[in-house]
Amino acid sequence: MSFAGEGEILSALAAQAEDYDDDERIDTMVESSRRLLKTLGEEIADPRIVVFATSERIAENFHAAASETLALVTCL
């Protein structure tokens, strides 16, 4: 674990993830990121958003979708 409470957060995310299919979750993650970036506006130069995923595959699919949808954002 990397920080206090991480295990609980990951368990809660995994439990919620069972209720949705992968495409639906990724669409929601990308839209949530887009809205957060819009809220931050241009006041924050080069903002960072940390995304937690339930698997490496979901993380890779999110990265691909975010890279395509969030055109002016560098996705690492």
N, C-alpha and C. Protein backbone atom coordinates (compact mmCIF):
# COMPACT_ATOMS: atom_id res chain seq x y z
N MET A 1 0.83 -1.18 0.00
CA MET A 1 0.00 0.00 0.00
C MET A 1 0.88 1.25 0.00
N SER A 2 0.43 2.28 -0.68
CA SER A 2 1.21 3.50 -0.83
C SER A 2 0.85 4.58 0.19
N PHE A 3 -0.39 4.59 0.70
CA PHE A 3 -0.79 5.62 1.65
C PHE A 3 -1.88 5.07 2.57
N ALA A 4 -2.05 5.71 3.71
CA ALA A 4 -3.05 5.27 4.68
C ALA A 4 -4.44 5.31 4.07
N GLY A 5 -5.17 4.25 4.21
CA GLY A 5 -6.53 4.19 3.69
C GLY A 5 -6.64 3.69 2.26
N GLU A 6 -5.50 3.45 1.61
CA GLU A 6 -5.54 3.02 0.21
C GLU A 6 -6.28 1.69 0.05
N GLY A 7 -6.06 0.76 0.96
CA GLY A 7 -6.72 -0.54 0.87
C GLY A 7 -8.23 -0.42 0.90
N GLU A 8 -8.73 0.43 1.79
CA GLU A 8 -10.17 0.63 1.90
C GLU A 8 -10.74 1.27 0.63
N ILE A 9 -10.01 2.23 0.09
CA ILE A 9 -10.46 2.89 -1.15
C ILE A 9 -10.51 1.88 -2.29
N LEU A 10 -9.47 1.09 -2.42
CA LEU A 10 -9.42 0.10 -3.50
C LEU A 10 -10.53 -0.95 -3.35
N SER A 11 -10.80 -1.37 -2.12
CA SER A 11 -11.88 -2.34 -1.89
C SER A 11 -13.23 -1.75 -2.27
N ALA A 12 -13.46 -0.50 -1.89
CA ALA A 12 -14.73 0.16 -2.22
C ALA A 12 -14.88 0.32 -3.73
N LEU A 13 -13.81 0.69 -4.41
CA LEU A 13 -13.86 0.83 -5.87
C LEU A 13 -14.15 -0.51 -6.53
N ALA A 14 -13.51 -1.56 -6.06
CA ALA A 14 -13.72 -2.89 -6.64
C ALA A 14 -15.16 -3.33 -6.45
N ALA A 15 -15.74 -3.07 -5.28
CA ALA A 15 -17.13 -3.45 -5.02
C ALA A 15 -18.08 -2.70 -5.95
N GLN A 16 -17.84 -1.41 -6.15
CA GLN A 16 -18.70 -0.62 -7.03
C GLN A 16 -18.51 -1.01 -8.48
N ALA A 17 -17.31 -1.39 -8.85
CA ALA A 17 -17.00 -1.71 -10.24
C ALA A 17 -17.77 -2.92 -10.74
N GLU A 18 -18.17 -3.80 -9.84
CA GLU A 18 -18.90 -5.00 -10.25
C GLU A 18 -20.27 -4.67 -10.82
N ASP A 19 -20.79 -3.48 -10.53
CA ASP A 19 -22.14 -3.09 -10.98
C ASP A 19 -22.17 -2.51 -12.39
N TYR A 20 -21.02 -2.26 -13.01
CA TYR A 20 -20.98 -1.59 -14.30
C TYR A 20 -20.10 -2.37 -15.28
N ASP A 21 -20.41 -2.23 -16.58
CA ASP A 21 -19.52 -2.86 -17.55
C ASP A 21 -18.34 -1.92 -17.81
N ASP A 22 -17.29 -2.45 -18.40
CA ASP A 22 -16.05 -1.70 -18.56
C ASP A 22 -16.22 -0.43 -19.38
N ASP A 23 -16.92 -0.50 -20.50
CA ASP A 23 -17.08 0.68 -21.36
C ASP A 23 -17.81 1.79 -20.63
N GLU A 24 -18.84 1.43 -19.87
CA GLU A 24 -19.61 2.40 -19.11
C GLU A 24 -18.72 3.08 -18.06
N ARG A 25 -17.92 2.29 -17.37
CA ARG A 25 -17.03 2.84 -16.34
C ARG A 25 -16.00 3.77 -16.96
N ILE A 26 -15.42 3.37 -18.07
CA ILE A 26 -14.40 4.20 -18.71
C ILE A 26 -15.00 5.50 -19.21
N ASP A 27 -16.18 5.43 -19.81
CA ASP A 27 -16.86 6.66 -20.25
C ASP A 27 -17.10 7.60 -19.07
N THR A 28 -17.52 7.05 -17.95
CA THR A 28 -17.76 7.86 -16.75
C THR A 28 -16.46 8.46 -16.23
N MET A 29 -15.40 7.68 -16.23
CA MET A 29 -14.09 8.17 -15.76
C MET A 29 -13.59 9.32 -16.64
N VAL A 30 -13.71 9.16 -17.95
CA VAL A 30 -13.25 10.20 -18.87
C VAL A 30 -14.10 11.46 -18.71
N GLU A 31 -15.41 11.30 -18.62
CA GLU A 31 -16.30 12.46 -18.46
C GLU A 31 -16.02 13.16 -17.13
N SER A 32 -15.80 12.41 -16.08
CA SER A 32 -15.48 13.00 -14.79
C SER A 32 -14.18 13.80 -14.86
N SER A 33 -13.19 13.25 -15.53
CA SER A 33 -11.91 13.95 -15.70
C SER A 33 -12.09 15.22 -16.52
N ARG A 34 -12.89 15.13 -17.59
CA ARG A 34 -13.15 16.30 -18.44
C ARG A 34 -13.80 17.42 -17.62
N ARG A 35 -14.78 17.06 -16.82
CA ARG A 35 -15.48 18.06 -16.00
C ARG A 35 -14.56 18.67 -14.95
N LEU A 36 -13.71 17.84 -14.35
CA LEU A 36 -12.76 18.36 -13.37
C LEU A 36 -11.81 19.35 -14.02
N LEU A 37 -11.30 19.01 -15.19
CA LEU A 37 -10.40 19.93 -15.89
C LEU A 37 -11.10 21.23 -16.25
N LYS A 38 -12.36 21.14 -16.65
CA LYS A 38 -13.14 22.34 -16.98
C LYS A 38 -13.31 23.20 -15.73
N THR A 39 -13.59 22.57 -14.60
CA THR A 39 -13.75 23.29 -13.34
C THR A 39 -12.45 23.98 -12.93
N LEU A 40 -11.34 23.30 -13.12
CA LEU A 40 -10.04 23.89 -12.78
C LEU A 40 -9.72 25.08 -13.67
N GLY A 41 -10.20 25.03 -14.90
CA GLY A 41 -9.97 26.12 -15.84
C GLY A 41 -8.50 26.28 -16.17
N GLU A 42 -8.15 27.46 -16.59
CA GLU A 42 -6.77 27.73 -16.97
C GLU A 42 -5.94 28.27 -15.81
N GLU A 43 -6.56 28.38 -14.64
CA GLU A 43 -5.84 28.87 -13.46
C GLU A 43 -4.74 27.92 -13.03
N ILE A 44 -4.94 26.64 -13.28
CA ILE A 44 -3.97 25.62 -12.89
C ILE A 44 -3.20 25.20 -14.14
N ALA A 45 -1.93 25.54 -14.18
CA ALA A 45 -1.10 25.16 -15.32
C ALA A 45 -0.71 23.69 -15.20
N ASP A 46 -0.92 22.93 -16.24
CA ASP A 46 -0.53 21.53 -16.29
C ASP A 46 -1.07 20.73 -15.10
N PRO A 47 -2.40 20.68 -14.93
CA PRO A 47 -2.98 19.97 -13.78
C PRO A 47 -2.71 18.47 -13.85
N ARG A 48 -2.68 17.85 -12.68
CA ARG A 48 -2.48 16.40 -12.59
C ARG A 48 -3.73 15.77 -11.99
N ILE A 49 -4.21 14.71 -12.59
CA ILE A 49 -5.33 13.96 -12.06
C ILE A 49 -4.85 12.52 -11.91
N VAL A 50 -5.02 11.98 -10.72
CA VAL A 50 -4.65 10.59 -10.46
C VAL A 50 -5.91 9.76 -10.59
N VAL A 51 -5.83 8.70 -11.37
CA VAL A 51 -6.98 7.83 -11.61
C VAL A 51 -6.66 6.44 -11.07
N PHE A 52 -7.59 5.91 -10.30
CA PHE A 52 -7.46 4.54 -9.79
C PHE A 52 -8.33 3.64 -10.65
N ALA A 53 -7.81 2.48 -10.99
CA ALA A 53 -8.56 1.51 -11.79
C ALA A 53 -8.50 0.15 -11.09
N THR A 54 -9.48 -0.67 -11.40
CA THR A 54 -9.55 -1.99 -10.76
C THR A 54 -8.65 -3.03 -11.40
N SER A 55 -8.09 -2.70 -12.56
CA SER A 55 -7.17 -3.64 -13.21
C SER A 55 -6.27 -2.87 -14.17
N GLU A 56 -5.20 -3.52 -14.56
CA GLU A 56 -4.28 -2.90 -15.51
C GLU A 56 -4.97 -2.68 -16.86
N ARG A 57 -5.83 -3.63 -17.25
CA ARG A 57 -6.55 -3.51 -18.52
C ARG A 57 -7.47 -2.29 -18.52
N ILE A 58 -8.18 -2.07 -17.42
CA ILE A 58 -9.06 -0.90 -17.32
C ILE A 58 -8.22 0.37 -17.38
N ALA A 59 -7.09 0.37 -16.69
CA ALA A 59 -6.21 1.54 -16.71
C ALA A 59 -5.72 1.83 -18.13
N GLU A 60 -5.33 0.79 -18.85
CA GLU A 60 -4.87 0.98 -20.23
C GLU A 60 -5.99 1.48 -21.13
N ASN A 61 -7.20 0.94 -20.96
CA ASN A 61 -8.34 1.39 -21.77
C ASN A 61 -8.72 2.82 -21.43
N PHE A 62 -8.64 3.18 -20.14
CA PHE A 62 -8.91 4.56 -19.75
C PHE A 62 -7.88 5.48 -20.38
N HIS A 63 -6.62 5.09 -20.31
CA HIS A 63 -5.55 5.91 -20.89
C HIS A 63 -5.81 6.17 -22.37
N ALA A 64 -6.19 5.13 -23.10
CA ALA A 64 -6.47 5.29 -24.54
C ALA A 64 -7.66 6.21 -24.76
N ALA A 65 -8.73 6.02 -24.00
CA ALA A 65 -9.93 6.85 -24.17
C ALA A 65 -9.66 8.29 -23.77
N ALA A 66 -8.94 8.49 -22.68
CA ALA A 66 -8.64 9.84 -22.22
C ALA A 66 -7.71 10.55 -23.20
N SER A 67 -6.73 9.83 -23.73
CA SER A 67 -5.81 10.43 -24.70
C SER A 67 -6.54 10.90 -25.94
N GLU A 68 -7.57 10.16 -26.33
CA GLU A 68 -8.36 10.51 -27.52
C GLU A 68 -9.35 11.64 -27.23
N THR A 69 -9.99 11.60 -26.07
CA THR A 69 -11.07 12.53 -25.75
C THR A 69 -10.57 13.85 -25.18
N LEU A 70 -9.56 13.80 -24.34
CA LEU A 70 -9.04 14.99 -23.68
C LEU A 70 -7.85 15.49 -24.49
N ALA A 71 -8.15 16.12 -25.61
CA ALA A 71 -7.16 16.43 -26.65
C ALA A 71 -5.96 17.23 -26.16
N LEU A 72 -6.15 18.20 -25.30
CA LEU A 72 -5.04 19.06 -24.90
C LEU A 72 -4.38 18.62 -23.60
N VAL A 73 -4.64 17.39 -23.19
CA VAL A 73 -4.11 16.87 -21.94
C VAL A 73 -3.08 15.79 -22.22
N THR A 74 -1.97 15.85 -21.53
CA THR A 74 -0.97 14.80 -21.63
C THR A 74 -1.34 13.70 -20.66
N CYS A 75 -1.58 12.51 -21.17
CA CYS A 75 -1.93 11.36 -20.33
C CYS A 75 -0.72 10.46 -20.20
N LEU A 76 -0.31 10.22 -18.99
CA LEU A 76 0.87 9.38 -18.73
C LEU A 76 0.45 8.02 -18.23
